[in-house]
Amino acid sequence: MADKIEQEFVSLDDITGGDIYFGLAESYQICHLAREIKKLKDRYPSFTYHITSGDTEQVTEKLDKGLLDFGVICETPNKDKYDYVTFPDTDRWGAIILKSHPLAKKKSIKVADLIGQPLFCSEQSWNIEIPEWSGENFSKLHLEGSFRLSYNASMFAKEGLGILLTFEHLIDCSEESDLVFRPLSPKQETKLYLIWNKYQTFTPIAEKFLAQVRETF
């Protein structure tokens, strides 16, 4: 925290550089953020950035404590606390399944297909997105285990311990992989948001970044 405060004062006099601190949710849409950072880096080569990963609770906790400049979350922001911009795309939900599993033969996965199956999902999504998607059948679904990182959960799915519910593009489901991605039906999509504290005082480099993102997003 002290280092971050000191850096803010340094950056006021040095627009050629400075630090920006991000807390990020898992999403393929982080590629949009990476492009914006690359554009800023081209303009200000001395600028550096610091990335941590986490779910909405973890990211907003650090943001509230002043440890981050920006957060990226996949839950509708609290408008009383945060300002935000919405990412250009959406994340599509699906099931990560072993190729040898009978459900891998299906083109899409319905709620009824998952009843009786051991499921892996992030705790945040199990409490929000999955109930929205499954409706009255949610109580019939079985959470085998929760996780914070999709990659770690995919290792359990690869061992046949269950089916992973997560965003598309996070897990290798290529021809060489033992896993396949099957979209949920009906379609379930999630928006991604770049957030920051209301009335936040930014360093000059963070202000430049935000102005750039507002123009692009």
C-alpha atoms as a PDB file:
ATOM      1  CA  MET A   1       0.000   0.000   0.000  1.00  0.00           C
ATOM      2  CA  ALA A   2       2.787   2.431   0.945  1.00  0.00           C
ATOM      3  CA  ASP A   3       4.623   1.637  -2.303  1.00  0.00           C
ATOM      4  CA  LYS A   4       1.476   2.350  -4.301  1.00  0.00           C
ATOM      5  CA  ILE A   5       0.912   5.720  -2.587  1.00  0.00           C
ATOM      6  CA  GLU A   6       4.553   6.689  -3.149  1.00  0.00           C
ATOM      7  CA  GLN A   7       4.273   5.712  -6.815  1.00  0.00           C
ATOM      8  CA  GLU A   8       1.190   7.932  -7.206  1.00  0.00           C
ATOM      9  CA  PHE A   9       3.194  10.984  -6.114  1.00  0.00           C
ATOM     10  CA  VAL A  10       6.095  10.053  -8.377  1.00  0.00           C
ATOM     11  CA  SER A  11       3.757   9.595 -11.342  1.00  0.00           C
ATOM     12  CA  LEU A  12       2.277  13.077 -10.934  1.00  0.00           C
ATOM     13  CA  ASP A  13       5.584  14.478 -12.139  1.00  0.00           C
ATOM     14  CA  ASP A  14       6.391  11.733 -14.635  1.00  0.00           C
ATOM     15  CA  ILE A  15       3.720  11.121 -17.258  1.00  0.00           C
ATOM     16  CA  THR A  16       6.236   9.103 -19.279  1.00  0.00           C
ATOM     17  CA  GLY A  17       5.807   6.259 -16.802  1.00  0.00           C
ATOM     18  CA  GLY A  18       3.971   5.165 -13.708  1.00  0.00           C
ATOM     19  CA  ASP A  19       2.200   2.039 -12.496  1.00  0.00           C
ATOM     20  CA  ILE A  20      -1.353   0.762 -12.907  1.00  0.00           C
ATOM     21  CA  TYR A  21      -2.737  -2.009 -10.699  1.00  0.00           C
ATOM     22  CA  PHE A  22      -5.416  -4.359 -12.053  1.00  0.00           C
ATOM     23  CA  GLY A  23      -7.484  -7.132 -10.483  1.00  0.00           C
ATOM     24  CA  LEU A  24      -8.951  -9.410 -13.146  1.00  0.00           C
ATOM     25  CA  ALA A  25     -11.653 -12.018 -13.471  1.00  0.00           C
ATOM     26  CA  GLU A  26     -11.042 -14.983 -15.785  1.00  0.00           C
ATOM     27  CA  SER A  27     -12.306 -14.299 -19.309  1.00  0.00           C
ATOM     28  CA  TYR A  28     -11.095 -14.487 -22.891  1.00  0.00           C
ATOM     29  CA  GLN A  29     -12.192 -10.848 -23.121  1.00  0.00           C
ATOM     30  CA  ILE A  30      -9.082  -9.901 -21.169  1.00  0.00           C
ATOM     31  CA  CYS A  31      -7.577  -9.784 -24.673  1.00  0.00           C
ATOM     32  CA  HIS A  32      -9.333  -6.411 -25.103  1.00  0.00           C
ATOM     33  CA  LEU A  33      -7.633  -5.134 -21.969  1.00  0.00           C
ATOM     34  CA  ALA A  34      -4.278  -6.459 -23.147  1.00  0.00           C
ATOM     35  CA  ARG A  35      -4.653  -4.555 -26.429  1.00  0.00           C
ATOM     36  CA  GLU A  36      -5.374  -1.335 -24.548  1.00  0.00           C
ATOM     37  CA  ILE A  37      -2.330  -1.858 -22.338  1.00  0.00           C
ATOM     38  CA  LYS A  38      -0.212  -2.485 -25.447  1.00  0.00           C
ATOM     39  CA  LYS A  39      -1.431   0.782 -27.013  1.00  0.00           C
ATOM     40  CA  LEU A  40      -0.619   2.686 -23.829  1.00  0.00           C
ATOM     41  CA  LYS A  41       2.768   0.975 -23.570  1.00  0.00           C
ATOM     42  CA  ASP A  42       3.595   2.092 -27.113  1.00  0.00           C
ATOM     43  CA  ARG A  43       2.906   5.703 -26.112  1.00  0.00           C
ATOM     44  CA  TYR A  44       4.532   5.532 -22.674  1.00  0.00           C
ATOM     45  CA  PRO A  45       7.264   2.860 -22.713  1.00  0.00           C
ATOM     46  CA  SER A  46       8.226   3.419 -19.064  1.00  0.00           C
ATOM     47  CA  PHE A  47       4.719   2.617 -17.843  1.00  0.00           C
ATOM     48  CA  THR A  48       4.392  -0.683 -15.946  1.00  0.00           C
ATOM     49  CA  TYR A  49       1.347  -2.689 -14.873  1.00  0.00           C
ATOM     50  CA  HIS A  50       0.599  -5.215 -12.156  1.00  0.00           C
ATOM     51  CA  ILE A  51      -1.985  -7.988 -12.507  1.00  0.00           C
ATOM     52  CA  THR A  52      -3.747 -10.081  -9.878  1.00  0.00           C
ATOM     53  CA  SER A  53      -6.574 -12.541 -10.541  1.00  0.00           C
ATOM     54  CA  GLY A  54      -9.699 -13.315  -8.571  1.00  0.00           C
ATOM     55  CA  ASP A  55     -13.474 -13.452  -8.467  1.00  0.00           C
ATOM     56  CA  THR A  56     -15.691 -10.425  -7.888  1.00  0.00           C
ATOM     57  CA  GLU A  57     -15.402 -10.610  -4.101  1.00  0.00           C
ATOM     58  CA  GLN A  58     -11.607 -10.749  -4.170  1.00  0.00           C
ATOM     59  CA  VAL A  59     -11.246  -8.000  -6.769  1.00  0.00           C
ATOM     60  CA  THR A  60     -13.679  -5.552  -5.161  1.00  0.00           C
ATOM     61  CA  GLU A  61     -12.158  -6.131  -1.719  1.00  0.00           C
ATOM     62  CA  LYS A  62      -8.743  -5.042  -3.005  1.00  0.00           C
ATOM     63  CA  LEU A  63     -10.277  -2.167  -4.948  1.00  0.00           C
ATOM     64  CA  ASP A  64     -12.087  -0.930  -1.829  1.00  0.00           C
ATOM     65  CA  LYS A  65      -8.819  -1.028   0.125  1.00  0.00           C
ATOM     66  CA  GLY A  66      -7.074   1.117  -2.477  1.00  0.00           C
ATOM     67  CA  LEU A  67      -4.751  -1.669  -3.588  1.00  0.00           C
ATOM     68  CA  LEU A  68      -6.009  -1.544  -7.188  1.00  0.00           C
ATOM     69  CA  ASP A  69      -6.690   1.180  -9.722  1.00  0.00           C
ATOM     70  CA  PHE A  70      -9.090  -0.920 -11.779  1.00  0.00           C
ATOM     71  CA  GLY A  71     -10.975  -4.167 -11.438  1.00  0.00           C
ATOM     72  CA  VAL A  72     -12.461  -6.437 -14.077  1.00  0.00           C
ATOM     73  CA  ILE A  73     -15.495  -8.396 -12.898  1.00  0.00           C
ATOM     74  CA  CYS A  74     -18.185 -10.580 -14.463  1.00  0.00           C
ATOM     75  CA  GLU A  75     -20.990  -9.445 -12.181  1.00  0.00           C
ATOM     76  CA  THR A  76     -23.154  -6.338 -12.565  1.00  0.00           C
ATOM     77  CA  PRO A  77     -21.286  -3.573 -10.683  1.00  0.00           C
ATOM     78  CA  ASN A  78     -22.662  -1.817  -7.618  1.00  0.00           C
ATOM     79  CA  LYS A  79     -23.501   1.568  -9.160  1.00  0.00           C
ATOM     80  CA  ASP A  80     -23.445   3.267  -5.760  1.00  0.00           C
ATOM     81  CA  LYS A  81     -19.776   2.372  -5.275  1.00  0.00           C
ATOM     82  CA  TYR A  82     -18.226   2.036  -8.725  1.00  0.00           C
ATOM     83  CA  ASP A  83     -18.069   3.667 -12.119  1.00  0.00           C
ATOM     84  CA  TYR A  84     -17.561   1.278 -15.019  1.00  0.00           C
ATOM     85  CA  VAL A  85     -17.434   0.551 -18.723  1.00  0.00           C
ATOM     86  CA  THR A  86     -18.706  -2.636 -20.320  1.00  0.00           C
ATOM     87  CA  PHE A  87     -16.439  -4.847 -22.419  1.00  0.00           C
ATOM     88  CA  PRO A  88     -17.367  -5.168 -26.127  1.00  0.00           C
ATOM     89  CA  ASP A  89     -18.261  -8.884 -26.131  1.00  0.00           C
ATOM     90  CA  THR A  90     -19.882 -11.459 -23.858  1.00  0.00           C
ATOM     91  CA  ASP A  91     -18.654 -14.762 -22.439  1.00  0.00           C
ATOM     92  CA  ARG A  92     -20.586 -17.871 -23.447  1.00  0.00           C
ATOM     93  CA  TRP A  93     -21.204 -20.543 -20.831  1.00  0.00           C
ATOM     94  CA  GLY A  94     -20.654 -24.207 -21.489  1.00  0.00           C
ATOM     95  CA  ALA A  95     -19.669 -27.571 -20.085  1.00  0.00           C
ATOM     96  CA  ILE A  96     -16.120 -28.928 -20.234  1.00  0.00           C
ATOM     97  CA  ILE A  97     -16.468 -32.689 -20.650  1.00  0.00           C
ATOM     98  CA  LEU A  98     -14.170 -35.651 -21.224  1.00  0.00           C
ATOM     99  CA  LYS A  99     -14.295 -36.795 -24.857  1.00  0.00           C
ATOM    100  CA  SER A 100     -15.131 -40.297 -23.650  1.00  0.00           C
ATOM    101  CA  HIS A 101     -18.160 -39.089 -21.656  1.00  0.00           C
ATOM    102  CA  PRO A 102     -21.582 -39.852 -23.224  1.00  0.00           C
ATOM    103  CA  LEU A 103     -22.584 -36.171 -23.005  1.00  0.00           C
ATOM    104  CA  ALA A 104     -19.644 -35.240 -25.239  1.00  0.00           C
ATOM    105  CA  LYS A 105     -21.676 -36.570 -28.184  1.00  0.00           C
ATOM    106  CA  LYS A 106     -24.271 -33.831 -27.725  1.00  0.00           C
ATOM    107  CA  LYS A 107     -24.027 -30.508 -29.572  1.00  0.00           C
ATOM    108  CA  SER A 108     -25.280 -28.600 -26.530  1.00  0.00           C
ATOM    109  CA  ILE A 109     -26.022 -29.324 -22.891  1.00  0.00           C
ATOM    110  CA  LYS A 110     -29.432 -28.846 -21.275  1.00  0.00           C
ATOM    111  CA  VAL A 111     -30.206 -28.692 -17.566  1.00  0.00           C
ATOM    112  CA  ALA A 112     -31.728 -32.181 -17.666  1.00  0.00           C
ATOM    113  CA  ASP A 113     -28.430 -33.565 -18.997  1.00  0.00           C
ATOM    114  CA  LEU A 114     -26.615 -32.401 -15.861  1.00  0.00           C
ATOM    115  CA  ILE A 115     -29.010 -33.788 -13.257  1.00  0.00           C
ATOM    116  CA  GLY A 116     -27.201 -36.571 -11.416  1.00  0.00           C
ATOM    117  CA  GLN A 117     -23.794 -35.480 -12.743  1.00  0.00           C
ATOM    118  CA  PRO A 118     -20.968 -34.264 -10.447  1.00  0.00           C
ATOM    119  CA  LEU A 119     -20.352 -30.624 -11.372  1.00  0.00           C
ATOM    120  CA  PHE A 120     -17.505 -28.168 -10.876  1.00  0.00           C
ATOM    121  CA  CYS A 121     -18.174 -24.442 -10.920  1.00  0.00           C
ATOM    122  CA  SER A 122     -16.934 -21.260  -9.291  1.00  0.00           C
ATOM    123  CA  GLU A 123     -18.784 -20.490  -6.074  1.00  0.00           C
ATOM    124  CA  GLN A 124     -19.756 -17.060  -7.398  1.00  0.00           C
ATOM    125  CA  SER A 125     -21.296 -18.473 -10.574  1.00  0.00           C
ATOM    126  CA  TRP A 126     -22.987 -21.336  -8.717  1.00  0.00           C
ATOM    127  CA  ASN A 127     -24.827 -18.709  -6.682  1.00  0.00           C
ATOM    128  CA  ILE A 128     -25.691 -16.367  -9.576  1.00  0.00           C
ATOM    129  CA  GLU A 129     -25.429 -17.521 -13.215  1.00  0.00           C
ATOM    130  CA  ILE A 130     -26.222 -21.214 -12.814  1.00  0.00           C
ATOM    131  CA  PRO A 131     -29.487 -20.632 -10.873  1.00  0.00           C
ATOM    132  CA  GLU A 132     -30.500 -18.070 -13.528  1.00  0.00           C
ATOM    133  CA  TRP A 133     -29.894 -20.626 -16.261  1.00  0.00           C
ATOM    134  CA  SER A 134     -31.320 -23.751 -14.611  1.00  0.00           C
ATOM    135  CA  GLY A 135     -34.370 -22.160 -12.992  1.00  0.00           C
ATOM    136  CA  GLU A 136     -36.551 -24.485 -10.936  1.00  0.00           C
ATOM    137  CA  ASN A 137     -34.221 -27.410 -11.672  1.00  0.00           C
ATOM    138  CA  PHE A 138     -31.284 -25.814  -9.861  1.00  0.00           C
ATOM    139  CA  SER A 139     -31.974 -27.777  -6.671  1.00  0.00           C
ATOM    140  CA  LYS A 140     -31.539 -30.998  -8.666  1.00  0.00           C
ATOM    141  CA  LEU A 141     -27.963 -30.138  -9.652  1.00  0.00           C
ATOM    142  CA  HIS A 142     -25.028 -31.415  -7.594  1.00  0.00           C
ATOM    143  CA  LEU A 143     -21.939 -29.276  -6.952  1.00  0.00           C
ATOM    144  CA  GLU A 144     -19.053 -31.713  -6.607  1.00  0.00           C
ATOM    145  CA  GLY A 145     -16.544 -28.964  -5.909  1.00  0.00           C
ATOM    146  CA  SER A 146     -16.024 -25.210  -6.260  1.00  0.00           C
ATOM    147  CA  PHE A 147     -12.954 -23.424  -7.594  1.00  0.00           C
ATOM    148  CA  ARG A 148     -11.544 -19.984  -8.349  1.00  0.00           C
ATOM    149  CA  LEU A 149      -9.430 -20.846 -11.410  1.00  0.00           C
ATOM    150  CA  SER A 150     -10.918 -22.726 -14.366  1.00  0.00           C
ATOM    151  CA  TYR A 151      -7.593 -24.291 -15.329  1.00  0.00           C
ATOM    152  CA  ASN A 152      -7.255 -26.012 -11.955  1.00  0.00           C
ATOM    153  CA  ALA A 153     -10.823 -27.296 -12.153  1.00  0.00           C
ATOM    154  CA  SER A 154     -10.195 -28.642 -15.663  1.00  0.00           C
ATOM    155  CA  MET A 155      -7.552 -30.985 -14.233  1.00  0.00           C
ATOM    156  CA  PHE A 156     -10.279 -32.627 -12.159  1.00  0.00           C
ATOM    157  CA  ALA A 157     -12.592 -32.823 -15.167  1.00  0.00           C
ATOM    158  CA  LYS A 158      -9.775 -34.421 -17.157  1.00  0.00           C
ATOM    159  CA  GLU A 159      -9.514 -37.148 -14.506  1.00  0.00           C
ATOM    160  CA  GLY A 160     -13.212 -37.906 -14.909  1.00  0.00           C
ATOM    161  CA  LEU A 161     -14.220 -36.517 -11.522  1.00  0.00           C
ATOM    162  CA  GLY A 162     -16.951 -34.314 -12.942  1.00  0.00           C
ATOM    163  CA  ILE A 163     -18.133 -31.795 -15.521  1.00  0.00           C
ATOM    164  CA  LEU A 164     -16.826 -28.236 -15.417  1.00  0.00           C
ATOM    165  CA  LEU A 165     -19.210 -25.321 -16.006  1.00  0.00           C
ATOM    166  CA  THR A 166     -17.290 -22.269 -17.158  1.00  0.00           C
ATOM    167  CA  PHE A 167     -16.750 -19.725 -19.934  1.00  0.00           C
ATOM    168  CA  GLU A 168     -15.735 -20.704 -23.442  1.00  0.00           C
ATOM    169  CA  HIS A 169     -12.095 -20.182 -24.522  1.00  0.00           C
ATOM    170  CA  LEU A 170     -10.588 -20.609 -21.042  1.00  0.00           C
ATOM    171  CA  ILE A 171      -9.691 -24.295 -21.371  1.00  0.00           C
ATOM    172  CA  ASP A 172      -7.845 -26.086 -24.177  1.00  0.00           C
ATOM    173  CA  CYS A 173     -10.497 -28.093 -26.025  1.00  0.00           C
ATOM    174  CA  SER A 174      -8.572 -28.563 -29.261  1.00  0.00           C
ATOM    175  CA  GLU A 175      -8.435 -31.817 -31.216  1.00  0.00           C
ATOM    176  CA  GLU A 176      -5.363 -32.816 -29.216  1.00  0.00           C
ATOM    177  CA  SER A 177      -7.123 -32.289 -25.875  1.00  0.00           C
ATOM    178  CA  ASP A 178      -9.001 -34.946 -23.906  1.00  0.00           C
ATOM    179  CA  LEU A 179     -11.700 -32.370 -23.191  1.00  0.00           C
ATOM    180  CA  VAL A 180     -14.502 -30.854 -25.271  1.00  0.00           C
ATOM    181  CA  PHE A 181     -16.593 -27.709 -24.841  1.00  0.00           C
ATOM    182  CA  ARG A 182     -20.354 -27.946 -25.280  1.00  0.00           C
ATOM    183  CA  PRO A 183     -22.435 -24.744 -24.972  1.00  0.00           C
ATOM    184  CA  LEU A 184     -25.278 -24.610 -22.499  1.00  0.00           C
ATOM    185  CA  SER A 185     -28.822 -24.608 -23.877  1.00  0.00           C
ATOM    186  CA  PRO A 186     -30.664 -22.329 -23.571  1.00  0.00           C
ATOM    187  CA  LYS A 187     -27.742 -20.014 -24.214  1.00  0.00           C
ATOM    188  CA  GLN A 188     -26.219 -18.366 -21.152  1.00  0.00           C
ATOM    189  CA  GLU A 189     -23.908 -15.376 -21.568  1.00  0.00           C
ATOM    190  CA  THR A 190     -22.158 -13.064 -19.115  1.00  0.00           C
ATOM    191  CA  LYS A 191     -20.972  -9.482 -19.545  1.00  0.00           C
ATOM    192  CA  LEU A 192     -17.595  -8.251 -18.342  1.00  0.00           C
ATOM    193  CA  TYR A 193     -17.003  -4.871 -16.692  1.00  0.00           C
ATOM    194  CA  LEU A 194     -13.999  -2.641 -16.049  1.00  0.00           C
ATOM    195  CA  ILE A 195     -14.709  -0.892 -12.734  1.00  0.00           C
ATOM    196  CA  TRP A 196     -13.100   1.731 -10.508  1.00  0.00           C
ATOM    197  CA  ASN A 197     -14.093   3.521  -7.309  1.00  0.00           C
ATOM    198  CA  LYS A 198     -16.370   6.526  -7.628  1.00  0.00           C
ATOM    199  CA  TYR A 199     -14.570   9.850  -7.091  1.00  0.00           C
ATOM    200  CA  GLN A 200     -11.231   8.057  -7.345  1.00  0.00           C
ATOM    201  CA  THR A 201      -8.135  10.216  -7.800  1.00  0.00           C
ATOM    202  CA  PHE A 202      -6.039   8.662 -10.543  1.00  0.00           C
ATOM    203  CA  THR A 203      -2.376   9.049 -11.383  1.00  0.00           C
ATOM    204  CA  PRO A 204      -1.779  10.732 -14.760  1.00  0.00           C
ATOM    205  CA  ILE A 205      -0.968   7.404 -16.438  1.00  0.00           C
ATOM    206  CA  ALA A 206      -4.150   5.803 -15.066  1.00  0.00           C
ATOM    207  CA  GLU A 207      -6.154   8.778 -16.356  1.00  0.00           C
ATOM    208  CA  LYS A 208      -4.603   8.295 -19.794  1.00  0.00           C
ATOM    209  CA  PHE A 209      -5.524   4.613 -19.710  1.00  0.00           C
ATOM    210  CA  LEU A 210      -9.128   5.293 -18.723  1.00  0.00           C
ATOM    211  CA  ALA A 211      -9.577   7.948 -21.411  1.00  0.00           C
ATOM    212  CA  GLN A 212      -8.210   5.525 -23.987  1.00  0.00           C
ATOM    213  CA  VAL A 213     -10.526   2.716 -22.858  1.00  0.00           C
ATOM    214  CA  ARG A 214     -13.572   5.004 -22.928  1.00  0.00           C
ATOM    215  CA  GLU A 215     -12.829   5.822 -26.568  1.00  0.00           C
ATOM    216  CA  THR A 216     -12.405   2.161 -27.535  1.00  0.00           C
ATOM    217  CA  PHE A 217     -15.114   0.429 -25.492  1.00  0.00           C
END
